Amino acid sequence: MWDWVRESEIAPLFVGRELDDNIILPKDVADAVELLEEYNQQSADTGSDKEAYTLAIQGLKASFMHLQSKERDNGIVLSWPIDVSQEYTRLLSLRRPMALVILAYFAVTLEEVRESWWAGGWGIQLIQEVSQVLSAE
């Protein structure tokens, strides 16, 4: 996570959130994340790329789990883009398909919190943008 976020006044929004080990993801979400993990492991990407993707996927899984928490806080989904590695960000800037698919999964978390004033419409918009980029390649 960016150091300035950890040390800022907004740090409590993103730091120190512990997951309840008893949280079980809905089957469709768990299956989708598992499929993404399997695709990453079977891909021809380099080891460092796979590692960046693995960390990004783990962060997304944690976001999905936080959204299932009894003490759900919709703002938690904003921690994922702050917490992803610079390597993943680099792969995303190169428009690597796997990086874009992971970003589309993030869009699902945004769609999950669409009732929040700051999230309305962004999930669908992001999925449409990722779809356009992937179909052009």
Foldseek 3Di string as FASTA:
>chain_A
DDPCCCVDPNNVLEPDDDFDPPQDFPPVLVVVLVVLLVCLVPDPDDPVLSVLLVVLSVLLVVLRSLCRDPPRDLSNLVNSVVPRDPSLVVCVVVVPLSSLVSVLSSLVSLVVVLVDPVSPPSSVVSNVVSVVSVVVD
